[in-house]
Amino acid sequence: MAFSASPHCAPPLHRFALRRSPPPQPPLAFMRCPFFSSSSFRPVYFSPAPTLRIIVSAKSKKPSSGRSADSTSASAIDFLTLCHSLKTTKRKGWINHGIKGPESIADHMYRMALMALIAGDLPGVNRERCIKIAIVHDIAEAIVGDITPSCGVPKEEKSRREQAALTEMCKILGGGMRVAAEEIQELWVEYENNASLEANLVKDFDKVELILQALEYELEHGKVLNEFFLSTEGKFQTKIGKSWAREINSRRNSILVEKRKGPK
């Protein structure tokens, strides 16, 4: 489940699509972003509204295969700058439940990558690939923003928007980083389609991280976040996913029992 700092659902992808010319000046006062290279991008605008959105415009002409080192570096920095919003966009489910200062998309993906790192050797599972999938599985949200079940967007449409966004993000990397772009696309599709043992495991880590964070916020904010535990119940696919989820639920149940007893 994806989350966002905005109380509104993510707008249609075409609002963030790459265009052949700079986007028209909106009625609000926008300013040009100085971080993207002029060689790869046309003007980038930031809205002064509470929700920060980046509209990226790029040249449609495909880069030549013989790009200079400077050009390749510029593409890499452009891509990483676009990914900055993953660090600042807060997960919407926590916002909807009144959690102040909740985790960002990047926070969520980082702990999932740690889960893959510490999971140990599993039969038939490429742990390094699990780490990579965890790092990129929500990367398209840098453009499409947060799309949660509460938005009412069908699963197929959500996937279509994210796939289109990912395609445009990988174009930013350019010909000089084609191998990296192709790997990101491949990892994302593998996760989206639940197409491998690694994808199965990372899907479980996604849910494990969710309920672990929910438990932590229950303790920190004195809330009851049953929704997140109920929505993941019975949906774990792997032995380690089931085991870790069982441990989290066991700890939560013990805490709830102690609370019911009240102070001694």
C-alpha atoms as a PDB file:
ATOM      1  CA  MET A   1       0.000   0.000   0.000  1.00  0.00           C
ATOM      2  CA  ALA A   2       1.347   3.420  -0.956  1.00  0.00           C
ATOM      3  CA  PHE A   3       1.050   6.590   1.099  1.00  0.00           C
ATOM      4  CA  SER A   4       1.348  10.310   0.411  1.00  0.00           C
ATOM      5  CA  ALA A   5       1.669  13.600   2.255  1.00  0.00           C
ATOM      6  CA  SER A   6      -1.355  14.972   0.437  1.00  0.00           C
ATOM      7  CA  PRO A   7      -4.841  14.369   1.805  1.00  0.00           C
ATOM      8  CA  HIS A   8      -5.939  13.960  -1.815  1.00  0.00           C
ATOM      9  CA  CYS A   9      -5.386  11.026  -4.080  1.00  0.00           C
ATOM     10  CA  ALA A  10      -2.751  11.152  -6.752  1.00  0.00           C
ATOM     11  CA  PRO A  11      -3.841  13.023  -9.892  1.00  0.00           C
ATOM     12  CA  PRO A  12      -3.866  11.335 -13.302  1.00  0.00           C
ATOM     13  CA  LEU A  13      -0.447  10.571 -14.674  1.00  0.00           C
ATOM     14  CA  HIS A  14      -0.809  12.946 -17.607  1.00  0.00           C
ATOM     15  CA  ARG A  15      -0.325  15.858 -15.233  1.00  0.00           C
ATOM     16  CA  PHE A  16       3.239  14.646 -14.705  1.00  0.00           C
ATOM     17  CA  ALA A  17       3.935  13.276 -18.167  1.00  0.00           C
ATOM     18  CA  LEU A  18       6.961  14.349 -20.138  1.00  0.00           C
ATOM     19  CA  ARG A  19       6.117  17.048 -22.693  1.00  0.00           C
ATOM     20  CA  ARG A  20       7.781  18.417 -25.779  1.00  0.00           C
ATOM     21  CA  SER A  21       7.505  21.988 -24.536  1.00  0.00           C
ATOM     22  CA  PRO A  22       7.536  23.651 -21.085  1.00  0.00           C
ATOM     23  CA  PRO A  23       4.259  23.350 -19.167  1.00  0.00           C
ATOM     24  CA  PRO A  24       2.089  26.502 -19.245  1.00  0.00           C
ATOM     25  CA  GLN A  25       2.543  28.869 -16.331  1.00  0.00           C
ATOM     26  CA  PRO A  26      -0.156  28.023 -13.758  1.00  0.00           C
ATOM     27  CA  PRO A  27      -2.168  30.712 -11.976  1.00  0.00           C
ATOM     28  CA  LEU A  28      -0.121  30.185  -8.813  1.00  0.00           C
ATOM     29  CA  ALA A  29       3.398  31.545  -8.548  1.00  0.00           C
ATOM     30  CA  PHE A  30       5.719  28.750  -9.650  1.00  0.00           C
ATOM     31  CA  MET A  31       9.486  28.903  -9.668  1.00  0.00           C
ATOM     32  CA  ARG A  32      12.048  27.160 -11.841  1.00  0.00           C
ATOM     33  CA  CYS A  33      13.956  24.305 -10.234  1.00  0.00           C
ATOM     34  CA  PRO A  34      17.728  24.865 -10.532  1.00  0.00           C
ATOM     35  CA  PHE A  35      18.717  21.242  -9.925  1.00  0.00           C
ATOM     36  CA  PHE A  36      18.001  19.626 -13.281  1.00  0.00           C
ATOM     37  CA  SER A  37      20.487  19.938 -16.123  1.00  0.00           C
ATOM     38  CA  SER A  38      19.380  22.097 -19.022  1.00  0.00           C
ATOM     39  CA  SER A  39      20.894  19.570 -21.417  1.00  0.00           C
ATOM     40  CA  SER A  40      18.352  16.923 -20.444  1.00  0.00           C
ATOM     41  CA  PHE A  41      15.372  18.913 -19.225  1.00  0.00           C
ATOM     42  CA  ARG A  42      13.233  21.866 -19.979  1.00  0.00           C
ATOM     43  CA  PRO A  43      12.016  24.020 -17.050  1.00  0.00           C
ATOM     44  CA  VAL A  44      10.859  22.269 -13.909  1.00  0.00           C
ATOM     45  CA  TYR A  45       8.315  23.966 -11.684  1.00  0.00           C
ATOM     46  CA  PHE A  46       7.558  23.631  -8.007  1.00  0.00           C
ATOM     47  CA  SER A  47       4.189  24.554  -6.562  1.00  0.00           C
ATOM     48  CA  PRO A  48       4.154  26.675  -3.391  1.00  0.00           C
ATOM     49  CA  ALA A  49       1.153  24.655  -2.222  1.00  0.00           C
ATOM     50  CA  PRO A  50       1.633  22.341   0.785  1.00  0.00           C
ATOM     51  CA  THR A  51       1.984  19.322  -1.502  1.00  0.00           C
ATOM     52  CA  LEU A  52       5.218  19.465  -3.449  1.00  0.00           C
ATOM     53  CA  ARG A  53       4.856  18.170  -6.987  1.00  0.00           C
ATOM     54  CA  ILE A  54       7.562  18.033  -9.642  1.00  0.00           C
ATOM     55  CA  ILE A  55       6.558  18.324 -13.297  1.00  0.00           C
ATOM     56  CA  VAL A  56       9.321  17.026 -15.496  1.00  0.00           C
ATOM     57  CA  SER A  57       9.693  17.918 -19.154  1.00  0.00           C
ATOM     58  CA  ALA A  58      12.261  16.203 -21.292  1.00  0.00           C
ATOM     59  CA  LYS A  59      13.310  16.155 -24.914  1.00  0.00           C
ATOM     60  CA  SER A  60      11.605  13.398 -26.828  1.00  0.00           C
ATOM     61  CA  LYS A  61      14.636  12.789 -29.017  1.00  0.00           C
ATOM     62  CA  LYS A  62      16.443   9.619 -28.007  1.00  0.00           C
ATOM     63  CA  PRO A  63      20.019  10.183 -26.837  1.00  0.00           C
ATOM     64  CA  SER A  64      22.803   8.857 -28.990  1.00  0.00           C
ATOM     65  CA  SER A  65      24.754   5.820 -27.838  1.00  0.00           C
ATOM     66  CA  GLY A  66      28.010   7.775 -27.707  1.00  0.00           C
ATOM     67  CA  ARG A  67      27.169  10.117 -24.876  1.00  0.00           C
ATOM     68  CA  SER A  68      29.920  11.941 -23.072  1.00  0.00           C
ATOM     69  CA  ALA A  69      30.760  11.227 -19.449  1.00  0.00           C
ATOM     70  CA  ASP A  70      29.398  14.650 -18.488  1.00  0.00           C
ATOM     71  CA  SER A  71      26.118  13.924 -20.251  1.00  0.00           C
ATOM     72  CA  THR A  72      25.772  10.557 -18.527  1.00  0.00           C
ATOM     73  CA  SER A  73      26.520  12.137 -15.149  1.00  0.00           C
ATOM     74  CA  ALA A  74      23.913  14.812 -15.817  1.00  0.00           C
ATOM     75  CA  SER A  75      21.303  12.150 -16.563  1.00  0.00           C
ATOM     76  CA  ALA A  76      22.175  10.294 -13.356  1.00  0.00           C
ATOM     77  CA  ILE A  77      21.817  13.424 -11.232  1.00  0.00           C
ATOM     78  CA  ASP A  78      18.573  14.354 -12.995  1.00  0.00           C
ATOM     79  CA  PHE A  79      17.185  10.898 -12.183  1.00  0.00           C
ATOM     80  CA  LEU A  80      18.321  11.036  -8.560  1.00  0.00           C
ATOM     81  CA  THR A  81      16.883  14.533  -8.143  1.00  0.00           C
ATOM     82  CA  LEU A  82      13.539  13.308  -9.416  1.00  0.00           C
ATOM     83  CA  CYS A  83      13.707  10.490  -6.856  1.00  0.00           C
ATOM     84  CA  HIS A  84      14.103  13.095  -4.079  1.00  0.00           C
ATOM     85  CA  SER A  85      10.324  13.177  -3.661  1.00  0.00           C
ATOM     86  CA  LEU A  86      10.461   9.581  -2.438  1.00  0.00           C
ATOM     87  CA  LYS A  87      12.317  10.913   0.615  1.00  0.00           C
ATOM     88  CA  THR A  88       9.809  13.671   1.312  1.00  0.00           C
ATOM     89  CA  THR A  89       6.443  12.114   0.399  1.00  0.00           C
ATOM     90  CA  LYS A  90       4.785  10.711   3.504  1.00  0.00           C
ATOM     91  CA  ARG A  91       2.822   7.476   3.340  1.00  0.00           C
ATOM     92  CA  LYS A  92      -0.826   8.359   3.076  1.00  0.00           C
ATOM     93  CA  GLY A  93      -2.284   5.615   5.253  1.00  0.00           C
ATOM     94  CA  TRP A  94      -0.549   7.099   8.275  1.00  0.00           C
ATOM     95  CA  ILE A  95      -1.650  10.608   7.341  1.00  0.00           C
ATOM     96  CA  ASN A  96      -5.257   9.398   7.148  1.00  0.00           C
ATOM     97  CA  HIS A  97      -4.948   7.991  10.671  1.00  0.00           C
ATOM     98  CA  GLY A  98      -3.594  11.199  12.132  1.00  0.00           C
ATOM     99  CA  ILE A  99       0.025  10.105  12.553  1.00  0.00           C
ATOM    100  CA  LYS A 100       2.230  13.184  12.812  1.00  0.00           C
ATOM    101  CA  GLY A 101       5.589  13.068  11.034  1.00  0.00           C
ATOM    102  CA  PRO A 102       5.064   9.617   9.481  1.00  0.00           C
ATOM    103  CA  GLU A 103       7.541   7.650   7.425  1.00  0.00           C
ATOM    104  CA  SER A 104       8.260   8.514   3.809  1.00  0.00           C
ATOM    105  CA  ILE A 105       8.119   6.187   0.816  1.00  0.00           C
ATOM    106  CA  ALA A 106      11.918   5.945   0.912  1.00  0.00           C
ATOM    107  CA  ASP A 107      11.849   5.082   4.638  1.00  0.00           C
ATOM    108  CA  HIS A 108       9.515   2.199   3.860  1.00  0.00           C
ATOM    109  CA  MET A 109      11.629   0.866   0.988  1.00  0.00           C
ATOM    110  CA  TYR A 110      14.845   1.187   2.995  1.00  0.00           C
ATOM    111  CA  ARG A 111      13.630  -1.018   5.845  1.00  0.00           C
ATOM    112  CA  MET A 112      12.329  -3.530   3.322  1.00  0.00           C
ATOM    113  CA  ALA A 113      15.827  -3.660   1.805  1.00  0.00           C
ATOM    114  CA  LEU A 114      17.221  -4.283   5.303  1.00  0.00           C
ATOM    115  CA  MET A 115      14.770  -7.145   5.706  1.00  0.00           C
ATOM    116  CA  ALA A 116      16.108  -8.710   2.521  1.00  0.00           C
ATOM    117  CA  LEU A 117      19.667  -8.179   3.757  1.00  0.00           C
ATOM    118  CA  ILE A 118      19.179  -9.943   7.105  1.00  0.00           C
ATOM    119  CA  ALA A 119      16.867 -12.695   5.878  1.00  0.00           C
ATOM    120  CA  GLY A 120      19.800 -15.065   5.463  1.00  0.00           C
ATOM    121  CA  ASP A 121      20.266 -17.693   2.807  1.00  0.00           C
ATOM    122  CA  LEU A 122      16.956 -19.083   1.580  1.00  0.00           C
ATOM    123  CA  PRO A 123      16.702 -22.049  -0.795  1.00  0.00           C
ATOM    124  CA  GLY A 124      16.398 -20.885  -4.394  1.00  0.00           C
ATOM    125  CA  VAL A 125      16.242 -17.190  -3.470  1.00  0.00           C
ATOM    126  CA  ASN A 126      18.676 -14.566  -4.775  1.00  0.00           C
ATOM    127  CA  ARG A 127      18.974 -12.247  -1.776  1.00  0.00           C
ATOM    128  CA  GLU A 128      20.772  -9.512  -3.722  1.00  0.00           C
ATOM    129  CA  ARG A 129      17.905  -9.425  -6.193  1.00  0.00           C
ATOM    130  CA  CYS A 130      15.443  -9.124  -3.289  1.00  0.00           C
ATOM    131  CA  ILE A 131      17.329  -6.058  -2.042  1.00  0.00           C
ATOM    132  CA  LYS A 132      17.170  -4.482  -5.501  1.00  0.00           C
ATOM    133  CA  ILE A 133      13.449  -5.191  -5.879  1.00  0.00           C
ATOM    134  CA  ALA A 134      12.781  -3.648  -2.459  1.00  0.00           C
ATOM    135  CA  ILE A 135      14.635  -0.495  -3.484  1.00  0.00           C
ATOM    136  CA  VAL A 136      12.672   0.032  -6.715  1.00  0.00           C
ATOM    137  CA  HIS A 137       9.227  -1.449  -6.048  1.00  0.00           C
ATOM    138  CA  ASP A 138       7.625   1.937  -5.199  1.00  0.00           C
ATOM    139  CA  ILE A 139       9.940   4.106  -7.297  1.00  0.00           C
ATOM    140  CA  ALA A 140       7.244   5.184  -9.767  1.00  0.00           C
ATOM    141  CA  GLU A 141       5.556   7.083  -6.920  1.00  0.00           C
ATOM    142  CA  ALA A 142       8.185   9.773  -7.469  1.00  0.00           C
ATOM    143  CA  ILE A 143       5.941  10.879 -10.365  1.00  0.00           C
ATOM    144  CA  VAL A 144       2.433   9.472  -9.834  1.00  0.00           C
ATOM    145  CA  GLY A 145       2.374  10.205  -6.120  1.00  0.00           C
ATOM    146  CA  ASP A 146       0.310   8.138  -3.745  1.00  0.00           C
ATOM    147  CA  ILE A 147      -2.504   5.928  -4.984  1.00  0.00           C
ATOM    148  CA  THR A 148      -4.202   4.017  -2.182  1.00  0.00           C
ATOM    149  CA  PRO A 149      -7.360   1.889  -2.114  1.00  0.00           C
ATOM    150  CA  SER A 150      -9.190   4.864  -0.614  1.00  0.00           C
ATOM    151  CA  CYS A 151      -8.633   6.726  -3.899  1.00  0.00           C
ATOM    152  CA  GLY A 152     -10.967   4.388  -5.734  1.00  0.00           C
ATOM    153  CA  VAL A 153      -8.505   3.848  -8.592  1.00  0.00           C
ATOM    154  CA  PRO A 154      -8.806   0.325 -10.067  1.00  0.00           C
ATOM    155  CA  LYS A 155      -5.743  -1.860  -9.637  1.00  0.00           C
ATOM    156  CA  GLU A 156      -5.234  -2.087 -13.405  1.00  0.00           C
ATOM    157  CA  GLU A 157      -5.304   1.709 -13.783  1.00  0.00           C
ATOM    158  CA  LYS A 158      -2.902   2.161 -10.882  1.00  0.00           C
ATOM    159  CA  SER A 159      -0.501  -0.275 -12.503  1.00  0.00           C
ATOM    160  CA  ARG A 160      -0.841   1.467 -15.871  1.00  0.00           C
ATOM    161  CA  ARG A 161      -0.015   4.880 -14.412  1.00  0.00           C
ATOM    162  CA  GLU A 162       2.973   3.537 -12.522  1.00  0.00           C
ATOM    163  CA  GLN A 163       4.291   1.647 -15.553  1.00  0.00           C
ATOM    164  CA  ALA A 164       4.049   4.787 -17.682  1.00  0.00           C
ATOM    165  CA  ALA A 165       5.788   6.824 -14.990  1.00  0.00           C
ATOM    166  CA  LEU A 166       8.557   4.253 -14.652  1.00  0.00           C
ATOM    167  CA  THR A 167       9.115   4.272 -18.410  1.00  0.00           C
ATOM    168  CA  GLU A 168       9.575   8.032 -18.393  1.00  0.00           C
ATOM    169  CA  MET A 169      11.882   7.886 -15.368  1.00  0.00           C
ATOM    170  CA  CYS A 170      14.096   5.348 -17.105  1.00  0.00           C
ATOM    171  CA  LYS A 171      14.238   7.536 -20.218  1.00  0.00           C
ATOM    172  CA  ILE A 172      15.799  10.212 -18.040  1.00  0.00           C
ATOM    173  CA  LEU A 173      18.770   7.920 -17.436  1.00  0.00           C
ATOM    174  CA  GLY A 174      19.466   8.060 -21.162  1.00  0.00           C
ATOM    175  CA  GLY A 175      21.417   5.831 -23.514  1.00  0.00           C
ATOM    176  CA  GLY A 176      24.567   6.003 -21.449  1.00  0.00           C
ATOM    177  CA  MET A 177      22.827   4.210 -18.562  1.00  0.00           C
ATOM    178  CA  ARG A 178      20.617   1.922 -20.605  1.00  0.00           C
ATOM    179  CA  VAL A 179      21.610  -1.211 -18.672  1.00  0.00           C
ATOM    180  CA  ALA A 180      20.622   0.337 -15.334  1.00  0.00           C
ATOM    181  CA  ALA A 181      17.346   1.619 -16.802  1.00  0.00           C
ATOM    182  CA  GLU A 182      16.476  -1.802 -18.170  1.00  0.00           C
ATOM    183  CA  GLU A 183      17.273  -3.465 -14.846  1.00  0.00           C
ATOM    184  CA  ILE A 184      15.024  -1.050 -12.950  1.00  0.00           C
ATOM    185  CA  GLN A 185      12.181  -1.751 -15.384  1.00  0.00           C
ATOM    186  CA  GLU A 186      12.705  -5.506 -15.134  1.00  0.00           C
ATOM    187  CA  LEU A 187      12.797  -5.514 -11.321  1.00  0.00           C
ATOM    188  CA  TRP A 188       9.652  -3.400 -11.083  1.00  0.00           C
ATOM    189  CA  VAL A 189       7.691  -5.596 -13.500  1.00  0.00           C
ATOM    190  CA  GLU A 190       8.855  -8.741 -11.688  1.00  0.00           C
ATOM    191  CA  TYR A 191       7.538  -7.349  -8.399  1.00  0.00           C
ATOM    192  CA  GLU A 192       4.327  -6.026  -9.932  1.00  0.00           C
ATOM    193  CA  ASN A 193       3.524  -9.420 -11.470  1.00  0.00           C
ATOM    194  CA  ASN A 194       4.669 -11.403  -8.413  1.00  0.00           C
ATOM    195  CA  ALA A 195       6.672 -13.366 -10.971  1.00  0.00           C
ATOM    196  CA  SER A 196       9.458 -14.994  -8.932  1.00  0.00           C
ATOM    197  CA  LEU A 197      10.423 -16.341  -5.537  1.00  0.00           C
ATOM    198  CA  GLU A 198      12.226 -13.043  -4.936  1.00  0.00           C
ATOM    199  CA  ALA A 199       9.098 -11.070  -5.773  1.00  0.00           C
ATOM    200  CA  ASN A 200       7.039 -13.310  -3.465  1.00  0.00           C
ATOM    201  CA  LEU A 201       9.434 -12.600  -0.622  1.00  0.00           C
ATOM    202  CA  VAL A 202       9.566  -8.839  -1.190  1.00  0.00           C
ATOM    203  CA  LYS A 203       5.764  -8.744  -1.395  1.00  0.00           C
ATOM    204  CA  ASP A 204       5.781 -10.294   2.068  1.00  0.00           C
ATOM    205  CA  PHE A 205       8.384  -7.799   3.297  1.00  0.00           C
ATOM    206  CA  ASP A 206       6.099  -5.004   2.079  1.00  0.00           C
ATOM    207  CA  LYS A 207       3.343  -6.277   4.366  1.00  0.00           C
ATOM    208  CA  VAL A 208       5.705  -7.103   7.236  1.00  0.00           C
ATOM    209  CA  GLU A 209       7.121  -3.577   7.154  1.00  0.00           C
ATOM    210  CA  LEU A 210       3.579  -2.202   7.129  1.00  0.00           C
ATOM    211  CA  ILE A 211       2.397  -4.031  10.228  1.00  0.00           C
ATOM    212  CA  LEU A 212       5.677  -3.472  12.067  1.00  0.00           C
ATOM    213  CA  GLN A 213       5.342   0.253  11.427  1.00  0.00           C
ATOM    214  CA  ALA A 214       1.697   0.102  12.490  1.00  0.00           C
ATOM    215  CA  LEU A 215       2.693  -1.519  15.790  1.00  0.00           C
ATOM    216  CA  GLU A 216       5.369   1.116  16.350  1.00  0.00           C
ATOM    217  CA  TYR A 217       2.888   3.925  15.705  1.00  0.00           C
ATOM    218  CA  GLU A 218       0.350   2.305  18.045  1.00  0.00           C
ATOM    219  CA  LEU A 219       2.937   2.378  20.816  1.00  0.00           C
ATOM    220  CA  GLU A 220       4.217   5.853  19.962  1.00  0.00           C
ATOM    221  CA  HIS A 221       0.872   7.576  19.449  1.00  0.00           C
ATOM    222  CA  GLY A 222      -1.467   5.514  21.617  1.00  0.00           C
ATOM    223  CA  LYS A 223      -3.643   4.546  18.665  1.00  0.00           C
ATOM    224  CA  VAL A 224      -5.294   1.303  17.584  1.00  0.00           C
ATOM    225  CA  LEU A 225      -4.505   0.595  13.926  1.00  0.00           C
ATOM    226  CA  ASN A 226      -6.432  -2.626  13.385  1.00  0.00           C
ATOM    227  CA  GLU A 227      -7.031  -1.864   9.708  1.00  0.00           C
ATOM    228  CA  PHE A 228      -3.447  -2.617   8.725  1.00  0.00           C
ATOM    229  CA  PHE A 229      -3.317  -5.934  10.555  1.00  0.00           C
ATOM    230  CA  LEU A 230      -6.666  -7.075   9.177  1.00  0.00           C
ATOM    231  CA  SER A 231      -5.806  -6.092   5.587  1.00  0.00           C
ATOM    232  CA  THR A 232      -2.658  -8.257   5.593  1.00  0.00           C
ATOM    233  CA  GLU A 233      -4.024 -11.232   7.536  1.00  0.00           C
ATOM    234  CA  GLY A 234      -3.637 -14.507   5.656  1.00  0.00           C
ATOM    235  CA  LYS A 235      -1.881 -12.873   2.699  1.00  0.00           C
ATOM    236  CA  PHE A 236       1.727 -13.836   3.404  1.00  0.00           C
ATOM    237  CA  GLN A 237       3.225 -16.195   0.818  1.00  0.00           C
ATOM    238  CA  THR A 238       6.567 -17.279   2.244  1.00  0.00           C
ATOM    239  CA  LYS A 239       7.715 -19.105   5.349  1.00  0.00           C
ATOM    240  CA  ILE A 240       9.822 -16.208   6.585  1.00  0.00           C
ATOM    241  CA  GLY A 241       7.057 -13.693   5.857  1.00  0.00           C
ATOM    242  CA  LYS A 242       4.567 -15.732   7.848  1.00  0.00           C
ATOM    243  CA  SER A 243       7.064 -16.211  10.681  1.00  0.00           C
ATOM    244  CA  TRP A 244       7.940 -12.513  10.967  1.00  0.00           C
ATOM    245  CA  ALA A 245       4.286 -11.473  10.761  1.00  0.00           C
ATOM    246  CA  ARG A 246       3.410 -13.989  13.465  1.00  0.00           C
ATOM    247  CA  GLU A 247       6.124 -12.532  15.722  1.00  0.00           C
ATOM    248  CA  ILE A 248       4.845  -8.976  15.230  1.00  0.00           C
ATOM    249  CA  ASN A 249       1.244 -10.015  15.921  1.00  0.00           C
ATOM    250  CA  SER A 250       2.342 -11.968  18.999  1.00  0.00           C
ATOM    251  CA  ARG A 251       4.099  -8.912  20.421  1.00  0.00           C
ATOM    252  CA  ARG A 252       1.082  -6.748  19.644  1.00  0.00           C
ATOM    253  CA  ASN A 253      -1.311  -9.165  21.331  1.00  0.00           C
ATOM    254  CA  SER A 254       0.877  -9.251  24.457  1.00  0.00           C
ATOM    255  CA  ILE A 255       0.887  -5.456  24.585  1.00  0.00           C
ATOM    256  CA  LEU A 256      -2.891  -5.302  24.167  1.00  0.00           C
ATOM    257  CA  VAL A 257      -3.372  -7.838  26.986  1.00  0.00           C
ATOM    258  CA  GLU A 258      -1.179  -5.775  29.289  1.00  0.00           C
ATOM    259  CA  LYS A 259      -3.118  -2.624  28.429  1.00  0.00           C
ATOM    260  CA  ARG A 260      -6.424  -4.324  29.252  1.00  0.00           C
ATOM    261  CA  LYS A 261      -5.069  -5.297  32.652  1.00  0.00           C
ATOM    262  CA  GLY A 262      -4.331  -1.665  33.370  1.00  0.00           C
ATOM    263  CA  PRO A 263      -1.691  -0.310  35.769  1.00  0.00           C
ATOM    264  CA  LYS A 264      -0.630  -2.640  38.552  1.00  0.00           C
END
